[in-house]
PDB file of N, CA and C in Angstrom:
ATOM      1  N   MET A   1      60.895  -0.268   2.507  1.00  0.00           N
ATOM      2  CA  MET A   1      60.667  -0.998   1.274  1.00  0.00           C
ATOM      3  C   MET A   1      59.956  -2.329   1.563  1.00  0.00           C
ATOM      4  N   TYR A   2      60.425  -3.037   2.585  1.00  0.00           N
ATOM      5  CA  TYR A   2      59.837  -4.338   2.902  1.00  0.00           C
ATOM      6  C   TYR A   2      58.403  -4.179   3.390  1.00  0.00           C
ATOM      7  N   ASN A   3      58.139  -3.111   4.140  1.00  0.00           N
ATOM      8  CA  ASN A   3      56.773  -2.869   4.613  1.00  0.00           C
ATOM      9  C   ASN A   3      55.820  -2.622   3.446  1.00  0.00           C
ATOM     10  N   MET A   4      56.279  -1.856   2.455  1.00  0.00           N
ATOM     11  CA  MET A   4      55.462  -1.616   1.268  1.00  0.00           C
ATOM     12  C   MET A   4      55.219  -2.908   0.505  1.00  0.00           C
ATOM     13  N   LEU A   5      56.243  -3.744   0.451  1.00  0.00           N
ATOM     14  CA  LEU A   5      56.144  -5.015  -0.261  1.00  0.00           C
ATOM     15  C   LEU A   5      55.077  -5.909   0.366  1.00  0.00           C
ATOM     16  N   ILE A   6      55.133  -6.052   1.679  1.00  0.00           N
ATOM     17  CA  ILE A   6      54.186  -6.925   2.371  1.00  0.00           C
ATOM     18  C   ILE A   6      52.772  -6.349   2.329  1.00  0.00           C
ATOM     19  N   SER A   7      52.643  -5.039   2.497  1.00  0.00           N
ATOM     20  CA  SER A   7      51.301  -4.447   2.463  1.00  0.00           C
ATOM     21  C   SER A   7      50.674  -4.575   1.076  1.00  0.00           C
ATOM     22  N   SER A   8      51.463  -4.375   0.026  1.00  0.00           N
ATOM     23  CA  SER A   8      50.916  -4.533  -1.322  1.00  0.00           C
ATOM     24  C   SER A   8      50.595  -5.995  -1.612  1.00  0.00           C
ATOM     25  N   LYS A   9      51.380  -6.912  -1.063  1.00  0.00           N
ATOM     26  CA  LYS A   9      51.101  -8.341  -1.239  1.00  0.00           C
ATOM     27  C   LYS A   9      49.765  -8.705  -0.602  1.00  0.00           C
ATOM     28  N   ILE A  10      49.520  -8.206   0.601  1.00  0.00           N
ATOM     29  CA  ILE A  10      48.264  -8.501   1.302  1.00  0.00           C
ATOM     30  C   ILE A  10      47.070  -7.922   0.541  1.00  0.00           C
ATOM     31  N   GLU A  11      47.204  -6.687   0.055  1.00  0.00           N
ATOM     32  CA  GLU A  11      46.115  -6.064  -0.698  1.00  0.00           C
ATOM     33  C   GLU A  11      45.810  -6.833  -1.974  1.00  0.00           C
ATOM     34  N   LEU A  12      46.862  -7.226  -2.698  1.00  0.00           N
ATOM     35  CA  LEU A  12      46.655  -7.945  -3.951  1.00  0.00           C
ATOM     36  C   LEU A  12      46.075  -9.336  -3.712  1.00  0.00           C
ATOM     37  N   ASN A  13      46.480  -9.980  -2.627  1.00  0.00           N
ATOM     38  CA  ASN A  13      45.905 -11.289  -2.305  1.00  0.00           C
ATOM     39  C   ASN A  13      44.405 -11.178  -2.052  1.00  0.00           C
ATOM     40  N   LYS A  14      43.983 -10.119  -1.355  1.00  0.00           N
ATOM     41  CA  LYS A  14      42.557  -9.920  -1.102  1.00  0.00           C
ATOM     42  C   LYS A  14      41.793  -9.696  -2.404  1.00  0.00           C
ATOM     43  N   LYS A  15      42.366  -8.877  -3.306  1.00  0.00           N
ATOM     44  CA  LYS A  15      41.706  -8.622  -4.586  1.00  0.00           C
ATOM     45  C   LYS A  15      41.578  -9.897  -5.407  1.00  0.00           C
ATOM     46  N   ILE A  16      42.645 -10.679  -5.414  1.00  0.00           N
ATOM     47  CA  ILE A  16      42.648 -11.904  -6.215  1.00  0.00           C
ATOM     48  C   ILE A  16      41.669 -12.919  -5.648  1.00  0.00           C
ATOM     49  N   GLN A  17      41.576 -13.020  -4.334  1.00  0.00           N
ATOM     50  CA  GLN A  17      40.614 -13.943  -3.734  1.00  0.00           C
ATOM     51  C   GLN A  17      39.187 -13.542  -4.074  1.00  0.00           C
ATOM     52  N   ASN A  18      38.917 -12.242  -4.109  1.00  0.00           N
ATOM     53  CA  ASN A  18      37.579 -11.789  -4.472  1.00  0.00           C
ATOM     54  C   ASN A  18      37.274 -12.080  -5.940  1.00  0.00           C
ATOM     55  N   LEU A  19      38.276 -11.938  -6.811  1.00  0.00           N
ATOM     56  CA  LEU A  19      38.060 -12.204  -8.227  1.00  0.00           C
ATOM     57  C   LEU A  19      37.904 -13.695  -8.507  1.00  0.00           C
ATOM     58  N   ASP A  20      38.657 -14.520  -7.800  1.00  0.00           N
ATOM     59  CA  ASP A  20      38.654 -15.962  -8.055  1.00  0.00           C
ATOM     60  C   ASP A  20      37.636 -16.719  -7.209  1.00  0.00           C
ATOM     61  N   LYS A  21      36.771 -16.011  -6.526  1.00  0.00           N
ATOM     62  CA  LYS A  21      35.817 -16.664  -5.630  1.00  0.00           C
ATOM     63  C   LYS A  21      34.866 -17.579  -6.400  1.00  0.00           C
ATOM     64  N   TYR A  22      34.458 -17.161  -7.591  1.00  0.00           N
ATOM     65  CA  TYR A  22      33.454 -17.903  -8.340  1.00  0.00           C
ATOM     66  C   TYR A  22      34.057 -18.791  -9.427  1.00  0.00           C
ATOM     67  N   LYS A  23      35.368 -18.845  -9.513  1.00  0.00           N
ATOM     68  CA  LYS A  23      36.017 -19.709 -10.496  1.00  0.00           C
ATOM     69  C   LYS A  23      36.240 -21.086  -9.894  1.00  0.00           C
ATOM     70  N   ASN A  24      36.179 -22.100 -10.727  1.00  0.00           N
ATOM     71  CA  ASN A  24      36.431 -23.465 -10.281  1.00  0.00           C
ATOM     72  C   ASN A  24      37.852 -23.848 -10.691  1.00  0.00           C
ATOM     73  N   CYS A  25      38.804 -23.537  -9.857  1.00  0.00           N
ATOM     74  CA  CYS A  25      40.207 -23.827 -10.143  1.00  0.00           C
ATOM     75  C   CYS A  25      40.660 -25.026  -9.320  1.00  0.00           C
ATOM     76  N   GLU A  26      41.586 -25.802  -9.893  1.00  0.00           N
ATOM     77  CA  GLU A  26      42.122 -26.940  -9.158  1.00  0.00           C
ATOM     78  C   GLU A  26      43.061 -26.488  -8.047  1.00  0.00           C
ATOM     79  N   HIS A  27      43.853 -25.483  -8.332  1.00  0.00           N
ATOM     80  CA  HIS A  27      44.888 -25.054  -7.403  1.00  0.00           C
ATOM     81  C   HIS A  27      44.580 -23.666  -6.867  1.00  0.00           C
ATOM     82  N   GLU A  28      45.156 -23.380  -5.710  1.00  0.00           N
ATOM     83  CA  GLU A  28      45.130 -22.016  -5.198  1.00  0.00           C
ATOM     84  C   GLU A  28      46.321 -21.278  -5.787  1.00  0.00           C
ATOM     85  N   TYR A  29      46.192 -19.977  -5.913  1.00  0.00           N
ATOM     86  CA  TYR A  29      47.266 -19.185  -6.486  1.00  0.00           C
ATOM     87  C   TYR A  29      47.729 -18.150  -5.476  1.00  0.00           C
ATOM     88  N   LYS A  30      49.020 -17.835  -5.526  1.00  0.00           N
ATOM     89  CA  LYS A  30      49.573 -16.801  -4.663  1.00  0.00           C
ATOM     90  C   LYS A  30      50.495 -15.917  -5.487  1.00  0.00           C
ATOM     91  N   ILE A  31      50.863 -14.791  -4.911  1.00  0.00           N
ATOM     92  CA  ILE A  31      51.685 -13.806  -5.601  1.00  0.00           C
ATOM     93  C   ILE A  31      53.151 -14.187  -5.491  1.00  0.00           C
ATOM     94  N   ASN A  32      53.870 -14.030  -6.592  1.00  0.00           N
ATOM     95  CA  ASN A  32      55.303 -14.257  -6.601  1.00  0.00           C
ATOM     96  C   ASN A  32      55.976 -13.015  -6.013  1.00  0.00           C
ATOM     97  N   ILE A  33      56.570 -13.158  -4.841  1.00  0.00           N
ATOM     98  CA  ILE A  33      57.134 -12.015  -4.116  1.00  0.00           C
ATOM     99  C   ILE A  33      58.355 -11.453  -4.836  1.00  0.00           C
ATOM    100  N   ASN A  34      59.125 -12.297  -5.509  1.00  0.00           N
ATOM    101  CA  ASN A  34      60.317 -11.819  -6.203  1.00  0.00           C
ATOM    102  C   ASN A  34      59.957 -10.854  -7.326  1.00  0.00           C
ATOM    103  N   ILE A  35      58.932 -11.176  -8.088  1.00  0.00           N
ATOM    104  CA  ILE A  35      58.502 -10.282  -9.167  1.00  0.00           C
ATOM    105  C   ILE A  35      57.914  -9.007  -8.588  1.00  0.00           C
ATOM    106  N   LEU A  36      57.150  -9.138  -7.513  1.00  0.00           N
ATOM    107  CA  LEU A  36      56.565  -7.968  -6.861  1.00  0.00           C
ATOM    108  C   LEU A  36      57.655  -7.026  -6.356  1.00  0.00           C
ATOM    109  N   ALA A  37      58.698  -7.579  -5.747  1.00  0.00           N
ATOM    110  CA  ALA A  37      59.790  -6.745  -5.232  1.00  0.00           C
ATOM    111  C   ALA A  37      60.510  -6.036  -6.369  1.00  0.00           C
ATOM    112  N   GLY A  38      60.747  -6.731  -7.466  1.00  0.00           N
ATOM    113  CA  GLY A  38      61.422  -6.116  -8.608  1.00  0.00           C
ATOM    114  C   GLY A  38      60.613  -4.988  -9.213  1.00  0.00           C
ATOM    115  N   LYS A  39      59.318  -5.204  -9.387  1.00  0.00           N
ATOM    116  CA  LYS A  39      58.465  -4.169  -9.978  1.00  0.00           C
ATOM    117  C   LYS A  39      58.355  -2.954  -9.062  1.00  0.00           C
ATOM    118  N   LEU A  40      58.245  -3.187  -7.746  1.00  0.00           N
ATOM    119  CA  LEU A  40      58.169  -2.051  -6.821  1.00  0.00           C
ATOM    120  C   LEU A  40      59.481  -1.281  -6.787  1.00  0.00           C
ATOM    121  N   LYS A  41      60.593  -2.000  -6.840  1.00  0.00           N
ATOM    122  CA  LYS A  41      61.896  -1.338  -6.791  1.00  0.00           C
ATOM    123  C   LYS A  41      62.105  -0.452  -8.016  1.00  0.00           C
ATOM    124  N   ILE A  42      61.701  -0.954  -9.181  1.00  0.00           N
ATOM    125  CA  ILE A  42      61.883  -0.188 -10.414  1.00  0.00           C
ATOM    126  C   ILE A  42      60.992   1.050 -10.425  1.00  0.00           C
ATOM    127  N   ASN A  43      59.753   0.905  -9.998  1.00  0.00           N
ATOM    128  CA  ASN A  43      58.770   1.986 -10.126  1.00  0.00           C
ATOM    129  C   ASN A  43      58.577   2.805  -8.859  1.00  0.00           C
ATOM    130  N   LEU A  44      59.360   2.563  -7.823  1.00  0.00           N
ATOM    131  CA  LEU A  44      59.169   3.276  -6.560  1.00  0.00           C
ATOM    132  C   LEU A  44      59.417   4.776  -6.718  1.00  0.00           C
ATOM    133  N   PHE A  45      60.491   5.156  -7.400  1.00  0.00           N
ATOM    134  CA  PHE A  45      60.791   6.579  -7.555  1.00  0.00           C
ATOM    135  C   PHE A  45      59.792   7.263  -8.476  1.00  0.00           C
ATOM    136  N   LYS A  46      59.284   6.530  -9.455  1.00  0.00           N
ATOM    137  CA  LYS A  46      58.248   7.104 -10.313  1.00  0.00           C
ATOM    138  C   LYS A  46      56.993   7.412  -9.502  1.00  0.00           C
ATOM    139  N   ILE A  47      56.662   6.526  -8.578  1.00  0.00           N
ATOM    140  CA  ILE A  47      55.473   6.732  -7.746  1.00  0.00           C
ATOM    141  C   ILE A  47      55.684   7.902  -6.791  1.00  0.00           C
ATOM    142  N   ILE A  48      56.870   7.979  -6.196  1.00  0.00           N
ATOM    143  CA  ILE A  48      57.135   9.037  -5.214  1.00  0.00           C
ATOM    144  C   ILE A  48      57.152  10.413  -5.869  1.00  0.00           C
ATOM    145  N   PHE A  49      57.792  10.518  -7.038  1.00  0.00           N
ATOM    146  CA  PHE A  49      57.956  11.822  -7.673  1.00  0.00           C
ATOM    147  C   PHE A  49      56.854  12.159  -8.675  1.00  0.00           C
ATOM    148  N   ALA A  50      55.800  11.377  -8.722  1.00  0.00           N
ATOM    149  CA  ALA A  50      54.677  11.704  -9.603  1.00  0.00           C
ATOM    150  C   ALA A  50      53.955  12.926  -9.053  1.00  0.00           C
ATOM    151  N   GLU A  51      53.586  13.821  -9.953  1.00  0.00           N
ATOM    152  CA  GLU A  51      52.967  15.074  -9.523  1.00  0.00           C
ATOM    153  C   GLU A  51      51.495  14.887  -9.144  1.00  0.00           C
ATOM    154  N   ASN A  52      50.803  14.076  -9.892  1.00  0.00           N
ATOM    155  CA  ASN A  52      49.365  13.907  -9.667  1.00  0.00           C
ATOM    156  C   ASN A  52      49.076  12.573  -8.994  1.00  0.00           C
ATOM    157  N   GLU A  53      47.947  12.546  -8.342  1.00  0.00           N
ATOM    158  CA  GLU A  53      47.478  11.286  -7.758  1.00  0.00           C
ATOM    159  C   GLU A  53      47.070  10.308  -8.858  1.00  0.00           C
ATOM    160  N   ASN A  54      46.589  10.859  -9.987  1.00  0.00           N
ATOM    161  CA  ASN A  54      46.182  10.000 -11.105  1.00  0.00           C
ATOM    162  C   ASN A  54      47.369   9.228 -11.673  1.00  0.00           C
ATOM    163  N   GLU A  55      48.516   9.880 -11.769  1.00  0.00           N
ATOM    164  CA  GLU A  55      49.709   9.204 -12.287  1.00  0.00           C
ATOM    165  C   GLU A  55      50.138   8.075 -11.357  1.00  0.00           C
ATOM    166  N   ARG A  56      50.060   8.317 -10.061  1.00  0.00           N
ATOM    167  CA  ARG A  56      50.431   7.284  -9.086  1.00  0.00           C
ATOM    168  C   ARG A  56      49.517   6.070  -9.201  1.00  0.00           C
ATOM    169  N   THR A  57      48.229   6.335  -9.325  1.00  0.00           N
ATOM    170  CA  THR A  57      47.295   5.216  -9.427  1.00  0.00           C
ATOM    171  C   THR A  57      47.485   4.448 -10.731  1.00  0.00           C
ATOM    172  N   LYS A  58      47.824   5.144 -11.823  1.00  0.00           N
ATOM    173  CA  LYS A  58      48.081   4.462 -13.088  1.00  0.00           C
ATOM    174  C   LYS A  58      49.283   3.534 -12.971  1.00  0.00           C
ATOM    175  N   ILE A  59      50.339   4.019 -12.327  1.00  0.00           N
ATOM    176  CA  ILE A  59      51.547   3.202 -12.162  1.00  0.00           C
ATOM    177  C   ILE A  59      51.247   1.994 -11.282  1.00  0.00           C
ATOM    178  N   MET A  60      50.517   2.207 -10.198  1.00  0.00           N
ATOM    179  CA  MET A  60      50.174   1.086  -9.315  1.00  0.00           C
ATOM    180  C   MET A  60      49.258   0.080 -10.013  1.00  0.00           C
ATOM    181  N   ASN A  61      48.350   0.561 -10.851  1.00  0.00           N
ATOM    182  CA  ASN A  61      47.477  -0.352 -11.588  1.00  0.00           C
ATOM    183  C   ASN A  61      48.268  -1.194 -12.581  1.00  0.00           C
ATOM    184  N   LYS A  62      49.287  -0.587 -13.209  1.00  0.00           N
ATOM    185  CA  LYS A  62      50.142  -1.349 -14.119  1.00  0.00           C
ATOM    186  C   LYS A  62      50.905  -2.431 -13.360  1.00  0.00           C
ATOM    187  N   ILE A  63      51.389  -2.076 -12.185  1.00  0.00           N
ATOM    188  CA  ILE A  63      52.116  -3.055 -11.364  1.00  0.00           C
ATOM    189  C   ILE A  63      51.181  -4.197 -10.964  1.00  0.00           C
ATOM    190  N   GLU A  64      49.974  -3.861 -10.537  1.00  0.00           N
ATOM    191  CA  GLU A  64      49.003  -4.886 -10.137  1.00  0.00           C
ATOM    192  C   GLU A  64      48.663  -5.809 -11.302  1.00  0.00           C
ATOM    193  N   TYR A  65      48.524  -5.237 -12.496  1.00  0.00           N
ATOM    194  CA  TYR A  65      48.181  -6.044 -13.665  1.00  0.00           C
ATOM    195  C   TYR A  65      49.299  -7.027 -13.999  1.00  0.00           C
ATOM    196  N   THR A  66      50.544  -6.567 -13.961  1.00  0.00           N
ATOM    197  CA  THR A  66      51.656  -7.468 -14.282  1.00  0.00           C
ATOM    198  C   THR A  66      51.816  -8.543 -13.214  1.00  0.00           C
ATOM    199  N   ILE A  67      51.545  -8.202 -11.973  1.00  0.00           N
ATOM    200  CA  ILE A  67      51.687  -9.179 -10.894  1.00  0.00           C
ATOM    201  C   ILE A  67      50.566 -10.216 -10.960  1.00  0.00           C
ATOM    202  N   GLN A  68      49.379  -9.814 -11.337  1.00  0.00           N
ATOM    203  CA  GLN A  68      48.281 -10.770 -11.459  1.00  0.00           C
ATOM    204  C   GLN A  68      48.540 -11.771 -12.576  1.00  0.00           C
ATOM    205  N   ARG A  69      49.297 -11.373 -13.583  1.00  0.00           N
ATOM    206  CA  ARG A  69      49.653 -12.307 -14.646  1.00  0.00           C
ATOM    207  C   ARG A  69      50.729 -13.288 -14.206  1.00  0.00           C
ATOM    208  N   CYS A  70      51.528 -12.933 -13.216  1.00  0.00           N
ATOM    209  CA  CYS A  70      52.648 -13.771 -12.773  1.00  0.00           C
ATOM    210  C   CYS A  70      52.322 -14.436 -11.440  1.00  0.00           C
ATOM    211  N   MET A  71      51.265 -15.206 -11.427  1.00  0.00           N
ATOM    212  CA  MET A  71      50.860 -15.883 -10.202  1.00  0.00           C
ATOM    213  C   MET A  71      51.498 -17.263 -10.139  1.00  0.00           C
ATOM    214  N   GLN A  72      51.703 -17.758  -8.917  1.00  0.00           N
ATOM    215  CA  GLN A  72      52.222 -19.101  -8.702  1.00  0.00           C
ATOM    216  C   GLN A  72      51.110 -19.956  -8.127  1.00  0.00           C
ATOM    217  N   LYS A  73      51.040 -21.198  -8.589  1.00  0.00           N
ATOM    218  CA  LYS A  73      50.039 -22.080  -8.006  1.00  0.00           C
ATOM    219  C   LYS A  73      50.638 -22.787  -6.802  1.00  0.00           C
ATOM    220  N   VAL A  74      49.803 -22.966  -5.792  1.00  0.00           N
ATOM    221  CA  VAL A  74      50.211 -23.657  -4.580  1.00  0.00           C
ATOM    222  C   VAL A  74      49.864 -25.122  -4.777  1.00  0.00           C
ATOM    223  N   LYS A  75      50.879 -25.968  -4.813  1.00  0.00           N
ATOM    224  CA  LYS A  75      50.648 -27.385  -5.062  1.00  0.00           C
ATOM    225  C   LYS A  75      50.211 -28.072  -3.778  1.00  0.00           C
ATOM    226  N   LYS A  76      49.264 -28.977  -3.939  1.00  0.00           N
ATOM    227  CA  LYS A  76      48.819 -29.776  -2.806  1.00  0.00           C
ATOM    228  C   LYS A  76      49.737 -30.981  -2.673  1.00  0.00           C
ATOM    229  N   LYS A  77      49.811 -31.522  -1.484  1.00  0.00           N
ATOM    230  CA  LYS A  77      50.619 -32.712  -1.278  1.00  0.00           C
ATOM    231  C   LYS A  77      49.932 -33.901  -1.949  1.00  0.00           C
ATOM    232  N   PRO A  78      50.714 -34.849  -2.450  1.00  0.00           N
ATOM    233  CA  PRO A  78      50.084 -36.004  -3.092  1.00  0.00           C
ATOM    234  C   PRO A  78      49.303 -36.845  -2.090  1.00  0.00           C
ATOM    235  N   LYS A  79      48.232 -37.455  -2.560  1.00  0.00           N
ATOM    236  CA  LYS A  79      47.376 -38.240  -1.668  1.00  0.00           C
ATOM    237  C   LYS A  79      48.037 -39.549  -1.266  1.00  0.00           C
ATOM    238  N   THR A  80      48.743 -40.148  -2.195  1.00  0.00           N
ATOM    239  CA  THR A  80      49.407 -41.412  -1.888  1.00  0.00           C
ATOM    240  C   THR A  80      50.829 -41.131  -1.430  1.00  0.00           C
ATOM    241  N   GLU A  81      51.240 -41.841  -0.421  1.00  0.00           N
ATOM    242  CA  GLU A  81      52.593 -41.653   0.086  1.00  0.00           C
ATOM    243  C   GLU A  81      53.570 -42.414  -0.796  1.00  0.00           C
ATOM    244  N   ARG A  82      54.734 -41.871  -0.956  1.00  0.00           N
ATOM    245  CA  ARG A  82      55.752 -42.515  -1.767  1.00  0.00           C
ATOM    246  C   ARG A  82      56.501 -43.537  -0.933  1.00  0.00           C
ATOM    247  N   LYS A  83      56.799 -44.650  -1.564  1.00  0.00           N
ATOM    248  CA  LYS A  83      57.550 -45.690  -0.878  1.00  0.00           C
ATOM    249  C   LYS A  83      59.038 -45.369  -0.968  1.00  0.00           C
ATOM    250  N   PRO A  84      59.770 -45.600   0.115  1.00  0.00           N
ATOM    251  CA  PRO A  84      61.215 -45.353   0.032  1.00  0.00           C
ATOM    252  C   PRO A  84      61.873 -46.393  -0.868  1.00  0.00           C
ATOM    253  N   LYS A  85      62.830 -45.951  -1.659  1.00  0.00           N
ATOM    254  CA  LYS A  85      63.515 -46.848  -2.575  1.00  0.00           C
ATOM    255  C   LYS A  85      64.543 -47.683  -1.828  1.00  0.00           C
ATOM    256  N   LYS A  86      64.675 -48.928  -2.246  1.00  0.00           N
ATOM    257  CA  LYS A  86      65.678 -49.803  -1.661  1.00  0.00           C
ATOM    258  C   LYS A  86      67.000 -49.567  -2.380  1.00  0.00           C
ATOM    259  N   PRO A  87      68.094 -49.598  -1.652  1.00  0.00           N
ATOM    260  CA  PRO A  87      69.374 -49.403  -2.334  1.00  0.00           C
ATOM    261  C   PRO A  87      69.680 -50.595  -3.238  1.00  0.00           C
ATOM    262  N   LYS A  88      70.140 -50.309  -4.427  1.00  0.00           N
ATOM    263  CA  LYS A  88      70.441 -51.361  -5.388  1.00  0.00           C
ATOM    264  C   LYS A  88      71.886 -51.812  -5.230  1.00  0.00           C
ATOM    265  N   LYS A  89      72.115 -53.045  -5.592  1.00  0.00           N
ATOM    266  CA  LYS A  89      73.482 -53.556  -5.593  1.00  0.00           C
ATOM    267  C   LYS A  89      74.081 -53.248  -6.961  1.00  0.00           C
ATOM    268  N   ARG A  90      74.795 -52.175  -7.026  1.00  0.00           N
ATOM    269  CA  ARG A  90      75.407 -51.769  -8.281  1.00  0.00           C
ATOM    270  C   ARG A  90      76.855 -52.223  -8.326  1.00  0.00           C
ATOM    271  N   TYR A  91      77.296 -52.455  -9.510  1.00  0.00           N
ATOM    272  CA  TYR A  91      78.687 -52.798  -9.787  1.00  0.00           C
ATOM    273  C   TYR A  91      79.164 -53.945  -8.891  1.00  0.00           C
ATOM    274  N   PRO A  92      78.673 -55.165  -9.096  1.00  0.00           N
ATOM    275  CA  PRO A  92      79.055 -56.282  -8.217  1.00  0.00           C
ATOM    276  C   PRO A  92      80.542 -56.628  -8.306  1.00  0.00           C
ATOM    277  N   TYR A  93      81.193 -56.290  -9.429  1.00  0.00           N
ATOM    278  CA  TYR A  93      82.622 -56.590  -9.545  1.00  0.00           C
ATOM    279  C   TYR A  93      83.446 -55.728  -8.591  1.00  0.00           C
ATOM    280  N   ASN A  94      82.982 -54.551  -8.280  1.00  0.00           N
ATOM    281  CA  ASN A  94      83.715 -53.682  -7.358  1.00  0.00           C
ATOM    282  C   ASN A  94      83.549 -54.127  -5.913  1.00  0.00           C
ATOM    283  N   ASN A  95      82.531 -54.897  -5.638  1.00  0.00           N
ATOM    284  CA  ASN A  95      82.275 -55.334  -4.271  1.00  0.00           C
ATOM    285  C   ASN A  95      83.020 -56.627  -3.915  1.00  0.00           C
ATOM    286  N   ARG A  96      83.738 -57.206  -4.858  1.00  0.00           N
ATOM    287  CA  ARG A  96      84.475 -58.441  -4.584  1.00  0.00           C
ATOM    288  C   ARG A  96      85.675 -58.160  -3.699  1.00  0.00           C
ATOM    289  N   LYS A  97      86.040 -59.161  -2.919  1.00  0.00           N
ATOM    290  CA  LYS A  97      87.193 -59.002  -2.029  1.00  0.00           C
ATOM    291  C   LYS A  97      88.502 -59.132  -2.794  1.00  0.00           C
ATOM    292  N   ASN A  98      88.530 -59.997  -3.795  1.00  0.00           N
ATOM    293  CA  ASN A  98      89.748 -60.214  -4.576  1.00  0.00           C
ATOM    294  C   ASN A  98      89.574 -59.618  -5.964  1.00  0.00           C
ATOM    295  N   PHE A  99      90.535 -58.824  -6.348  1.00  0.00           N
ATOM    296  CA  PHE A  99      90.496 -58.265  -7.698  1.00  0.00           C
ATOM    297  C   PHE A  99      91.339 -59.090  -8.613  1.00  0.00           C
TER     298      PHE A  99
END
């Protein structure tokens, strides 16, 4: 199952890179593996027990279409570094020695 998952992920990534080659997108996109695993798990027996090759390809095309709609964007790291916050002096009455 895991081998099928990874091989289908690699194939779909190649297809998506070819389709998005000429688009001007801010972010890169990758496949959500959790959705891919769920769709393959649900439709695996349908693919195995399909009588015709045409039925198998139809099922795989449906899976590919749903996965292409559920893409995740890969966020880039921010250009400016964040400054560490200084600890605040909260509740000064609790810090007194005498209550």
